[in-house]
């Protein structure tokens, strides 16, 4: 199962986040999810970048470009920032969602 949530402070990323969320929704239909995860897309004040946290129930192997994992109450979180087009962002998120278990 893949769930998404967004916490945007401005309208800067609204359209791109909607596109990325639709792509994430399609990911679960294209491939079996074996490590449930939650994707949160958010902004930080005066930053300008899109921040993304991917929290898996089980720890994953390292994925290039992502920081983490850090243990949290509901699993293991990895994060990174983006400033590019939605298709590229969705591709990076896909690699993190389907990262092999550690």
PDB file of N, CA and C in Angstrom:
ATOM      1  N   UNK A   1       0.837  -1.184   0.000  1.00  0.00           N
ATOM      2  CA  UNK A   1       0.000   0.000   0.000  1.00  0.00           C
ATOM      3  C   UNK A   1       0.880   1.245   0.000  1.00  0.00           C
ATOM      4  N   UNK A   2       0.521   2.199  -0.814  1.00  0.00           N
ATOM      5  CA  UNK A   2       1.202   3.498  -0.861  1.00  0.00           C
ATOM      6  C   UNK A   2       0.166   4.566  -0.532  1.00  0.00           C
ATOM      7  N   UNK A   3       0.455   5.401   0.436  1.00  0.00           N
ATOM      8  CA  UNK A   3      -0.418   6.532   0.718  1.00  0.00           C
ATOM      9  C   UNK A   3       0.375   7.819   0.496  1.00  0.00           C
ATOM     10  N   UNK A   4      -0.331   8.879   0.162  1.00  0.00           N
ATOM     11  CA  UNK A   4       0.311  10.177  -0.024  1.00  0.00           C
ATOM     12  C   UNK A   4      -0.388  11.236   0.807  1.00  0.00           C
ATOM     13  N   UNK A   5       0.371  12.255   1.091  1.00  0.00           N
ATOM     14  CA  UNK A   5      -0.143  13.414   1.827  1.00  0.00           C
ATOM     15  C   UNK A   5       0.703  14.599   1.386  1.00  0.00           C
ATOM     16  N   UNK A   6       0.090  15.770   1.342  1.00  0.00           N
ATOM     17  CA  UNK A   6       0.898  16.957   1.061  1.00  0.00           C
ATOM     18  C   UNK A   6       0.565  18.063   2.057  1.00  0.00           C
ATOM     19  N   UNK A   7       1.604  18.853   2.336  1.00  0.00           N
ATOM     20  CA  UNK A   7       1.490  19.961   3.284  1.00  0.00           C
ATOM     21  C   UNK A   7       2.191  21.158   2.650  1.00  0.00           C
ATOM     22  N   UNK A   8       1.450  21.865   1.813  1.00  0.00           N
ATOM     23  CA  UNK A   8       2.031  22.984   1.081  1.00  0.00           C
ATOM     24  C   UNK A   8       1.715  24.307   1.760  1.00  0.00           C
ATOM     25  N   UNK A   9       2.704  25.182   1.786  1.00  0.00           N
ATOM     26  CA  UNK A   9       2.545  26.505   2.405  1.00  0.00           C
ATOM     27  C   UNK A   9       2.137  27.564   1.397  1.00  0.00           C
ATOM     28  N   UNK A  10       2.452  27.324   0.113  1.00  0.00           N
ATOM     29  CA  UNK A  10       2.169  28.285  -0.955  1.00  0.00           C
ATOM     30  C   UNK A  10       1.527  27.555  -2.127  1.00  0.00           C
ATOM     31  N   UNK A  11       1.263  28.284  -3.201  1.00  0.00           N
ATOM     32  CA  UNK A  11       0.736  27.677  -4.425  1.00  0.00           C
ATOM     33  C   UNK A  11       1.838  27.285  -5.403  1.00  0.00           C
ATOM     34  N   UNK A  12       3.080  27.539  -5.055  1.00  0.00           N
ATOM     35  CA  UNK A  12       4.211  27.305  -5.961  1.00  0.00           C
ATOM     36  C   UNK A  12       4.258  25.868  -6.490  1.00  0.00           C
ATOM     37  N   UNK A  13       3.992  24.895  -5.636  1.00  0.00           N
ATOM     38  CA  UNK A  13       4.124  23.494  -6.001  1.00  0.00           C
ATOM     39  C   UNK A  13       2.780  22.778  -6.203  1.00  0.00           C
ATOM     40  N   UNK A  14       1.672  23.473  -6.092  1.00  0.00           N
ATOM     41  CA  UNK A  14       0.356  22.834  -6.110  1.00  0.00           C
ATOM     42  C   UNK A  14       0.129  21.968  -7.346  1.00  0.00           C
ATOM     43  N   UNK A  15       0.353  22.496  -8.516  1.00  0.00           N
ATOM     44  CA  UNK A  15       0.123  21.755  -9.753  1.00  0.00           C
ATOM     45  C   UNK A  15       1.081  20.575  -9.888  1.00  0.00           C
ATOM     46  N   UNK A  16       2.352  20.808  -9.604  1.00  0.00           N
ATOM     47  CA  UNK A  16       3.345  19.736  -9.705  1.00  0.00           C
ATOM     48  C   UNK A  16       3.048  18.621  -8.712  1.00  0.00           C
ATOM     49  N   UNK A  17       2.659  18.967  -7.496  1.00  0.00           N
ATOM     50  CA  UNK A  17       2.353  17.950  -6.485  1.00  0.00           C
ATOM     51  C   UNK A  17       1.140  17.125  -6.912  1.00  0.00           C
ATOM     52  N   UNK A  18       0.151  17.759  -7.486  1.00  0.00           N
ATOM     53  CA  UNK A  18      -1.013  17.012  -7.973  1.00  0.00           C
ATOM     54  C   UNK A  18      -0.587  16.005  -9.042  1.00  0.00           C
ATOM     55  N   UNK A  19       0.303  16.405  -9.933  1.00  0.00           N
ATOM     56  CA  UNK A  19       0.807  15.515 -10.970  1.00  0.00           C
ATOM     57  C   UNK A  19       1.600  14.359 -10.363  1.00  0.00           C
ATOM     58  N   UNK A  20       2.452  14.669  -9.410  1.00  0.00           N
ATOM     59  CA  UNK A  20       3.263  13.635  -8.747  1.00  0.00           C
ATOM     60  C   UNK A  20       2.363  12.665  -7.980  1.00  0.00           C
ATOM     61  N   UNK A  21       1.354  13.179  -7.289  1.00  0.00           N
ATOM     62  CA  UNK A  21       0.449  12.299  -6.542  1.00  0.00           C
ATOM     63  C   UNK A  21      -0.316  11.353  -7.472  1.00  0.00           C
ATOM     64  N   UNK A  22      -0.718  11.837  -8.639  1.00  0.00           N
ATOM     65  CA  UNK A  22      -1.388  10.960  -9.604  1.00  0.00           C
ATOM     66  C   UNK A  22      -0.431   9.865 -10.080  1.00  0.00           C
ATOM     67  N   UNK A  23       0.814  10.237 -10.320  1.00  0.00           N
ATOM     68  CA  UNK A  23       1.814   9.247 -10.745  1.00  0.00           C
ATOM     69  C   UNK A  23       2.035   8.205  -9.651  1.00  0.00           C
ATOM     70  N   UNK A  24       2.100   8.642  -8.402  1.00  0.00           N
ATOM     71  CA  UNK A  24       2.286   7.711  -7.285  1.00  0.00           C
ATOM     72  C   UNK A  24       1.088   6.761  -7.187  1.00  0.00           C
ATOM     73  N   UNK A  25      -0.112   7.272  -7.373  1.00  0.00           N
ATOM     74  CA  UNK A  25      -1.306   6.422  -7.329  1.00  0.00           C
ATOM     75  C   UNK A  25      -1.228   5.312  -8.379  1.00  0.00           C
ATOM     76  N   UNK A  26      -0.686   5.638  -9.556  1.00  0.00           N
ATOM     77  CA  UNK A  26      -0.553   4.638 -10.625  1.00  0.00           C
ATOM     78  C   UNK A  26       0.527   3.604 -10.319  1.00  0.00           C
ATOM     79  N   UNK A  27       1.511   3.974  -9.505  1.00  0.00           N
ATOM     80  CA  UNK A  27       2.623   3.060  -9.214  1.00  0.00           C
ATOM     81  C   UNK A  27       2.149   1.767  -8.574  1.00  0.00           C
ATOM     82  N   UNK A  28       1.194   1.850  -7.705  1.00  0.00           N
ATOM     83  CA  UNK A  28       0.693   0.657  -7.004  1.00  0.00           C
ATOM     84  C   UNK A  28      -0.064  -0.267  -7.948  1.00  0.00           C
ATOM     85  N   UNK A  29      -0.568   0.252  -9.039  1.00  0.00           N
ATOM     86  CA  UNK A  29      -1.267  -0.608  -9.998  1.00  0.00           C
ATOM     87  C   UNK A  29      -0.290  -1.249 -10.974  1.00  0.00           C
ATOM     88  N   UNK A  30       0.893  -0.646 -11.138  1.00  0.00           N
ATOM     89  CA  UNK A  30       1.891  -1.157 -12.071  1.00  0.00           C
ATOM     90  C   UNK A  30       2.786  -2.231 -11.461  1.00  0.00           C
ATOM     91  N   UNK A  31       2.883  -2.254 -10.138  1.00  0.00           N
ATOM     92  CA  UNK A  31       3.845  -3.138  -9.480  1.00  0.00           C
ATOM     93  C   UNK A  31       3.357  -3.460  -8.066  1.00  0.00           C
ATOM     94  N   UNK A  32       3.647  -4.663  -7.607  1.00  0.00           N
ATOM     95  CA  UNK A  32       3.228  -5.086  -6.270  1.00  0.00           C
ATOM     96  C   UNK A  32       4.065  -4.361  -5.223  1.00  0.00           C
ATOM     97  N   UNK A  33       3.392  -3.787  -4.239  1.00  0.00           N
ATOM     98  CA  UNK A  33       4.064  -3.099  -3.139  1.00  0.00           C
ATOM     99  C   UNK A  33       4.267  -4.110  -2.013  1.00  0.00           C
ATOM    100  N   UNK A  34       5.529  -4.373  -1.671  1.00  0.00           N
ATOM    101  CA  UNK A  34       5.822  -5.368  -0.636  1.00  0.00           C
ATOM    102  C   UNK A  34       6.265  -4.737   0.676  1.00  0.00           C
ATOM    103  N   UNK A  35       6.407  -3.421   0.684  1.00  0.00           N
ATOM    104  CA  UNK A  35       6.847  -2.703   1.884  1.00  0.00           C
ATOM    105  C   UNK A  35       5.994  -1.439   1.984  1.00  0.00           C
ATOM    106  N   UNK A  36       4.890  -1.513   2.701  1.00  0.00           N
ATOM    107  CA  UNK A  36       3.955  -0.387   2.790  1.00  0.00           C
ATOM    108  C   UNK A  36       4.692   0.918   3.069  1.00  0.00           C
ATOM    109  N   UNK A  37       4.253   1.989   2.420  1.00  0.00           N
ATOM    110  CA  UNK A  37       4.929   3.266   2.637  1.00  0.00           C
ATOM    111  C   UNK A  37       3.971   4.444   2.539  1.00  0.00           C
ATOM    112  N   UNK A  38       4.427   5.539   3.125  1.00  0.00           N
ATOM    113  CA  UNK A  38       3.689   6.812   3.111  1.00  0.00           C
ATOM    114  C   UNK A  38       4.617   7.864   2.518  1.00  0.00           C
ATOM    115  N   UNK A  39       4.107   8.612   1.554  1.00  0.00           N
ATOM    116  CA  UNK A  39       4.870   9.676   0.906  1.00  0.00           C
ATOM    117  C   UNK A  39       4.255  11.011   1.318  1.00  0.00           C
ATOM    118  N   UNK A  40       5.081  11.896   1.870  1.00  0.00           N
ATOM    119  CA  UNK A  40       4.619  13.224   2.258  1.00  0.00           C
ATOM    120  C   UNK A  40       5.417  14.244   1.452  1.00  0.00           C
ATOM    121  N   UNK A  41       4.707  15.113   0.737  1.00  0.00           N
ATOM    122  CA  UNK A  41       5.314  16.176  -0.055  1.00  0.00           C
ATOM    123  C   UNK A  41       5.010  17.488   0.649  1.00  0.00           C
ATOM    124  N   UNK A  42       6.044  18.298   0.912  1.00  0.00           N
ATOM    125  CA  UNK A  42       5.817  19.499   1.706  1.00  0.00           C
ATOM    126  C   UNK A  42       6.825  20.595   1.371  1.00  0.00           C
ATOM    127  N   UNK A  43       6.507  21.784   1.834  1.00  0.00           N
ATOM    128  CA  UNK A  43       7.382  22.945   1.687  1.00  0.00           C
ATOM    129  C   UNK A  43       7.904  23.366   3.050  1.00  0.00           C
ATOM    130  N   UNK A  44       9.045  24.030   3.022  1.00  0.00           N
ATOM    131  CA  UNK A  44       9.617  24.657   4.206  1.00  0.00           C
ATOM    132  C   UNK A  44       9.662  26.157   3.907  1.00  0.00           C
ATOM    133  N   UNK A  45       9.263  26.961   4.860  1.00  0.00           N
ATOM    134  CA  UNK A  45       9.184  28.423   4.659  1.00  0.00           C
ATOM    135  C   UNK A  45      10.501  28.974   4.116  1.00  0.00           C
ATOM    136  N   UNK A  46      10.384  29.854   3.118  1.00  0.00           N
ATOM    137  CA  UNK A  46      11.505  30.580   2.499  1.00  0.00           C
ATOM    138  C   UNK A  46      12.563  29.657   1.898  1.00  0.00           C
ATOM    139  N   UNK A  47      12.170  28.463   1.498  1.00  0.00           N
ATOM    140  CA  UNK A  47      13.112  27.485   0.951  1.00  0.00           C
ATOM    141  C   UNK A  47      13.013  27.404  -0.568  1.00  0.00           C
ATOM    142  N   UNK A  48      11.787  27.315  -1.124  1.00  0.00           N
ATOM    143  CA  UNK A  48      11.584  27.243  -2.561  1.00  0.00           C
ATOM    144  C   UNK A  48      11.651  25.844  -3.144  1.00  0.00           C
ATOM    145  N   UNK A  49      12.106  24.870  -2.366  1.00  0.00           N
ATOM    146  CA  UNK A  49      12.219  23.502  -2.849  1.00  0.00           C
ATOM    147  C   UNK A  49      11.031  22.663  -2.387  1.00  0.00           C
ATOM    148  N   UNK A  50      10.779  21.584  -3.102  1.00  0.00           N
ATOM    149  CA  UNK A  50       9.785  20.614  -2.661  1.00  0.00           C
ATOM    150  C   UNK A  50      10.519  19.563  -1.843  1.00  0.00           C
ATOM    151  N   UNK A  51      10.050  19.329  -0.650  1.00  0.00           N
ATOM    152  CA  UNK A  51      10.635  18.324   0.244  1.00  0.00           C
ATOM    153  C   UNK A  51       9.748  17.083   0.200  1.00  0.00           C
ATOM    154  N   UNK A  52      10.385  15.912   0.231  1.00  0.00           N
ATOM    155  CA  UNK A  52       9.632  14.659   0.182  1.00  0.00           C
ATOM    156  C   UNK A  52      10.187  13.704   1.222  1.00  0.00           C
ATOM    157  N   UNK A  53       9.292  13.164   2.036  1.00  0.00           N
ATOM    158  CA  UNK A  53       9.619  12.087   2.973  1.00  0.00           C
ATOM    159  C   UNK A  53       8.924  10.823   2.488  1.00  0.00           C
ATOM    160  N   UNK A  54       9.660   9.724   2.467  1.00  0.00           N
ATOM    161  CA  UNK A  54       9.073   8.417   2.175  1.00  0.00           C
ATOM    162  C   UNK A  54       9.335   7.549   3.403  1.00  0.00           C
ATOM    163  N   UNK A  55       8.259   7.148   4.067  1.00  0.00           N
ATOM    164  CA  UNK A  55       8.362   6.325   5.271  1.00  0.00           C
ATOM    165  C   UNK A  55       7.889   4.921   4.952  1.00  0.00           C
ATOM    166  N   UNK A  56       8.792   3.948   5.108  1.00  0.00           N
ATOM    167  CA  UNK A  56       8.474   2.538   4.896  1.00  0.00           C
ATOM    168  C   UNK A  56       8.261   1.845   6.238  1.00  0.00           C
ATOM    169  N   UNK A  57       7.456   0.802   6.218  1.00  0.00           N
ATOM    170  CA  UNK A  57       7.260  -0.002   7.412  1.00  0.00           C
ATOM    171  C   UNK A  57       8.558  -0.715   7.779  1.00  0.00           C
ATOM    172  N   UNK A  58       9.281  -1.224   6.769  1.00  0.00           N
ATOM    173  CA  UNK A  58      10.539  -1.934   6.973  1.00  0.00           C
ATOM    174  C   UNK A  58      11.683  -1.135   6.348  1.00  0.00           C
ATOM    175  N   UNK A  59      12.845  -1.190   6.949  1.00  0.00           N
ATOM    176  CA  UNK A  59      14.001  -0.451   6.451  1.00  0.00           C
ATOM    177  C   UNK A  59      14.369  -0.925   5.045  1.00  0.00           C
ATOM    178  N   UNK A  60      14.816   0.021   4.218  1.00  0.00           N
ATOM    179  CA  UNK A  60      15.203  -0.279   2.841  1.00  0.00           C
ATOM    180  C   UNK A  60      16.699  -0.069   2.644  1.00  0.00           C
ATOM    181  N   UNK A  61      17.168  -0.548   1.518  1.00  0.00           N
ATOM    182  CA  UNK A  61      18.544  -0.283   1.127  1.00  0.00           C
ATOM    183  C   UNK A  61      18.659   1.185   0.733  1.00  0.00           C
ATOM    184  N   UNK A  62      19.874   1.689   0.746  1.00  0.00           N
ATOM    185  CA  UNK A  62      20.133   3.083   0.384  1.00  0.00           C
ATOM    186  C   UNK A  62      19.790   3.329  -1.081  1.00  0.00           C
ATOM    187  N   UNK A  63      19.178   4.475  -1.357  1.00  0.00           N
ATOM    188  CA  UNK A  63      18.888   4.906  -2.720  1.00  0.00           C
ATOM    189  C   UNK A  63      19.626   6.224  -2.932  1.00  0.00           C
ATOM    190  N   UNK A  64      20.414   6.308  -3.997  1.00  0.00           N
ATOM    191  CA  UNK A  64      21.219   7.497  -4.279  1.00  0.00           C
ATOM    192  C   UNK A  64      20.359   8.758  -4.264  1.00  0.00           C
ATOM    193  N   UNK A  65      20.860   9.794  -3.582  1.00  0.00           N
ATOM    194  CA  UNK A  65      20.188  11.085  -3.531  1.00  0.00           C
ATOM    195  C   UNK A  65      19.268  11.265  -2.329  1.00  0.00           C
ATOM    196  N   UNK A  66      18.950  10.186  -1.643  1.00  0.00           N
ATOM    197  CA  UNK A  66      18.041  10.238  -0.506  1.00  0.00           C
ATOM    198  C   UNK A  66      18.822  10.180   0.792  1.00  0.00           C
ATOM    199  N   UNK A  67      18.433  10.998   1.765  1.00  0.00           N
ATOM    200  CA  UNK A  67      19.026  10.956   3.104  1.00  0.00           C
ATOM    201  C   UNK A  67      18.239   9.968   3.939  1.00  0.00           C
ATOM    202  N   UNK A  68      18.924   9.308   4.839  1.00  0.00           N
ATOM    203  CA  UNK A  68      18.262   8.361   5.727  1.00  0.00           C
ATOM    204  C   UNK A  68      18.825   6.986   5.531  1.00  0.00           C
ATOM    205  N   UNK A  69      18.218   6.013   6.127  1.00  0.00           N
ATOM    206  CA  UNK A  69      16.950   6.074   6.840  1.00  0.00           C
ATOM    207  C   UNK A  69      17.123   6.508   8.287  1.00  0.00           C
ATOM    208  N   UNK A  70      16.051   7.040   8.828  1.00  0.00           N
ATOM    209  CA  UNK A  70      15.973   7.364  10.243  1.00  0.00           C
ATOM    210  C   UNK A  70      14.789   6.595  10.809  1.00  0.00           C
ATOM    211  N   UNK A  71      14.981   6.003  11.965  1.00  0.00           N
ATOM    212  CA  UNK A  71      13.888   5.284  12.611  1.00  0.00           C
ATOM    213  C   UNK A  71      12.877   6.262  13.182  1.00  0.00           C
ATOM    214  N   UNK A  72      11.616   6.042  12.886  1.00  0.00           N
ATOM    215  CA  UNK A  72      10.513   6.849  13.412  1.00  0.00           C
ATOM    216  C   UNK A  72       9.449   5.893  13.945  1.00  0.00           C
ATOM    217  N   UNK A  73       8.446   6.431  14.602  1.00  0.00           N
ATOM    218  CA  UNK A  73       7.432   5.610  15.264  1.00  0.00           C
ATOM    219  C   UNK A  73       6.775   4.588  14.336  1.00  0.00           C
ATOM    220  N   UNK A  74       6.547   4.956  13.070  1.00  0.00           N
ATOM    221  CA  UNK A  74       5.840   4.042  12.172  1.00  0.00           C
ATOM    222  C   UNK A  74       6.733   3.397  11.119  1.00  0.00           C
ATOM    223  N   UNK A  75       8.055   3.409  11.335  1.00  0.00           N
ATOM    224  CA  UNK A  75       8.942   2.734  10.392  1.00  0.00           C
ATOM    225  C   UNK A  75      10.271   3.444  10.216  1.00  0.00           C
ATOM    226  N   UNK A  76      10.641   3.621   8.947  1.00  0.00           N
ATOM    227  CA  UNK A  76      11.926   4.214   8.596  1.00  0.00           C
ATOM    228  C   UNK A  76      11.702   5.251   7.506  1.00  0.00           C
ATOM    229  N   UNK A  77      12.197   6.482   7.743  1.00  0.00           N
ATOM    230  CA  UNK A  77      11.966   7.579   6.815  1.00  0.00           C
ATOM    231  C   UNK A  77      13.254   7.929   6.073  1.00  0.00           C
ATOM    232  N   UNK A  78      13.079   8.212   4.776  1.00  0.00           N
ATOM    233  CA  UNK A  78      14.136   8.755   3.927  1.00  0.00           C
ATOM    234  C   UNK A  78      13.582  10.052   3.351  1.00  0.00           C
ATOM    235  N   UNK A  79      14.461  11.018   3.080  1.00  0.00           N
ATOM    236  CA  UNK A  79      13.972  12.281   2.535  1.00  0.00           C
ATOM    237  C   UNK A  79      14.954  12.889   1.557  1.00  0.00           C
ATOM    238  N   UNK A  80      14.431  13.812   0.755  1.00  0.00           N
ATOM    239  CA  UNK A  80      15.251  14.593  -0.171  1.00  0.00           C
ATOM    240  C   UNK A  80      14.445  15.789  -0.641  1.00  0.00           C
ATOM    241  N   UNK A  81      15.126  16.691  -1.353  1.00  0.00           N
ATOM    242  CA  UNK A  81      14.469  17.883  -1.893  1.00  0.00           C
ATOM    243  C   UNK A  81      14.533  17.850  -3.415  1.00  0.00           C
ATOM    244  N   UNK A  82      13.604  18.581  -4.027  1.00  0.00           N
ATOM    245  CA  UNK A  82      13.505  18.628  -5.487  1.00  0.00           C
ATOM    246  C   UNK A  82      13.240  20.052  -5.958  1.00  0.00           C
ATOM    247  N   UNK A  83      13.645  20.317  -7.204  1.00  0.00           N
ATOM    248  CA  UNK A  83      13.297  21.589  -7.834  1.00  0.00           C
ATOM    249  C   UNK A  83      13.038  21.419  -9.323  1.00  0.00           C
ATOM    250  N   UNK A  84      12.837  20.195  -9.778  1.00  0.00           N
ATOM    251  CA  UNK A  84      12.668  19.926 -11.200  1.00  0.00           C
ATOM    252  C   UNK A  84      11.245  19.617 -11.598  1.00  0.00           C
ATOM    253  N   UNK A  85      11.095  19.089 -12.812  1.00  0.00           N
ATOM    254  CA  UNK A  85       9.761  18.783 -13.337  1.00  0.00           C
ATOM    255  C   UNK A  85       9.127  17.578 -12.628  1.00  0.00           C
ATOM    256  N   UNK A  86       7.801  17.524 -12.611  1.00  0.00           N
ATOM    257  CA  UNK A  86       7.092  16.471 -11.895  1.00  0.00           C
ATOM    258  C   UNK A  86       7.450  15.053 -12.346  1.00  0.00           C
ATOM    259  N   UNK A  87       7.674  14.840 -13.627  1.00  0.00           N
ATOM    260  CA  UNK A  87       7.999  13.497 -14.105  1.00  0.00           C
ATOM    261  C   UNK A  87       9.322  13.012 -13.504  1.00  0.00           C
ATOM    262  N   UNK A  88      10.291  13.907 -13.403  1.00  0.00           N
ATOM    263  CA  UNK A  88      11.583  13.527 -12.826  1.00  0.00           C
ATOM    264  C   UNK A  88      11.421  13.270 -11.321  1.00  0.00           C
ATOM    265  N   UNK A  89      10.651  14.118 -10.653  1.00  0.00           N
ATOM    266  CA  UNK A  89      10.405  13.939  -9.215  1.00  0.00           C
ATOM    267  C   UNK A  89       9.726  12.589  -8.972  1.00  0.00           C
ATOM    268  N   UNK A  90       8.707  12.286  -9.760  1.00  0.00           N
ATOM    269  CA  UNK A  90       7.977  11.023  -9.602  1.00  0.00           C
ATOM    270  C   UNK A  90       8.897   9.827  -9.823  1.00  0.00           C
ATOM    271  N   UNK A  91       9.813   9.925 -10.769  1.00  0.00           N
ATOM    272  CA  UNK A  91      10.757   8.839 -11.017  1.00  0.00           C
ATOM    273  C   UNK A  91      11.653   8.574  -9.825  1.00  0.00           C
ATOM    274  N   UNK A  92      12.152   9.645  -9.199  1.00  0.00           N
ATOM    275  CA  UNK A  92      12.990   9.493  -8.008  1.00  0.00           C
ATOM    276  C   UNK A  92      12.189   8.900  -6.847  1.00  0.00           C
ATOM    277  N   UNK A  93      10.962   9.356  -6.699  1.00  0.00           N
ATOM    278  CA  UNK A  93      10.108   8.824  -5.629  1.00  0.00           C
ATOM    279  C   UNK A  93       9.816   7.352  -5.882  1.00  0.00           C
ATOM    280  N   UNK A  94       9.573   6.991  -7.128  1.00  0.00           N
ATOM    281  CA  UNK A  94       9.311   5.587  -7.474  1.00  0.00           C
ATOM    282  C   UNK A  94      10.480   4.702  -7.042  1.00  0.00           C
ATOM    283  N   UNK A  95      11.713   5.128  -7.328  1.00  0.00           N
ATOM    284  CA  UNK A  95      12.878   4.335  -6.935  1.00  0.00           C
ATOM    285  C   UNK A  95      12.935   4.155  -5.416  1.00  0.00           C
ATOM    286  N   UNK A  96      12.539   5.201  -4.677  1.00  0.00           N
ATOM    287  CA  UNK A  96      12.554   5.087  -3.218  1.00  0.00           C
ATOM    288  C   UNK A  96      11.419   4.200  -2.730  1.00  0.00           C
ATOM    289  N   UNK A  97      10.233   4.347  -3.295  1.00  0.00           N
ATOM    290  CA  UNK A  97       9.094   3.517  -2.889  1.00  0.00           C
ATOM    291  C   UNK A  97       9.408   2.033  -3.056  1.00  0.00           C
ATOM    292  N   UNK A  98      10.031   1.681  -4.171  1.00  0.00           N
ATOM    293  CA  UNK A  98      10.281   0.271  -4.472  1.00  0.00           C
ATOM    294  C   UNK A  98      11.700  -0.174  -4.132  1.00  0.00           C
ATOM    295  N   UNK A  99      12.382   0.573  -3.261  1.00  0.00           N
ATOM    296  CA  UNK A  99      13.717   0.171  -2.819  1.00  0.00           C
ATOM    297  C   UNK A  99      13.633  -1.188  -2.119  1.00  0.00           C
ATOM    298  N   UNK A 100      14.646  -1.988  -2.357  1.00  0.00           N
ATOM    299  CA  UNK A 100      14.683  -3.323  -1.733  1.00  0.00           C
ATOM    300  C   UNK A 100      14.843  -3.195  -0.229  1.00  0.00           C
ATOM    301  N   UNK A 101      14.284  -4.132   0.501  1.00  0.00           N
ATOM    302  CA  UNK A 101      14.446  -4.153   1.951  1.00  0.00           C
ATOM    303  C   UNK A 101      15.921  -4.359   2.305  1.00  0.00           C
ATOM    304  N   UNK A 102      16.310  -3.740   3.384  1.00  0.00           N
ATOM    305  CA  UNK A 102      17.704  -3.863   3.849  1.00  0.00           C
ATOM    306  C   UNK A 102      17.932  -5.215   4.498  1.00  0.00           C
TER     307      UNK A 102
END
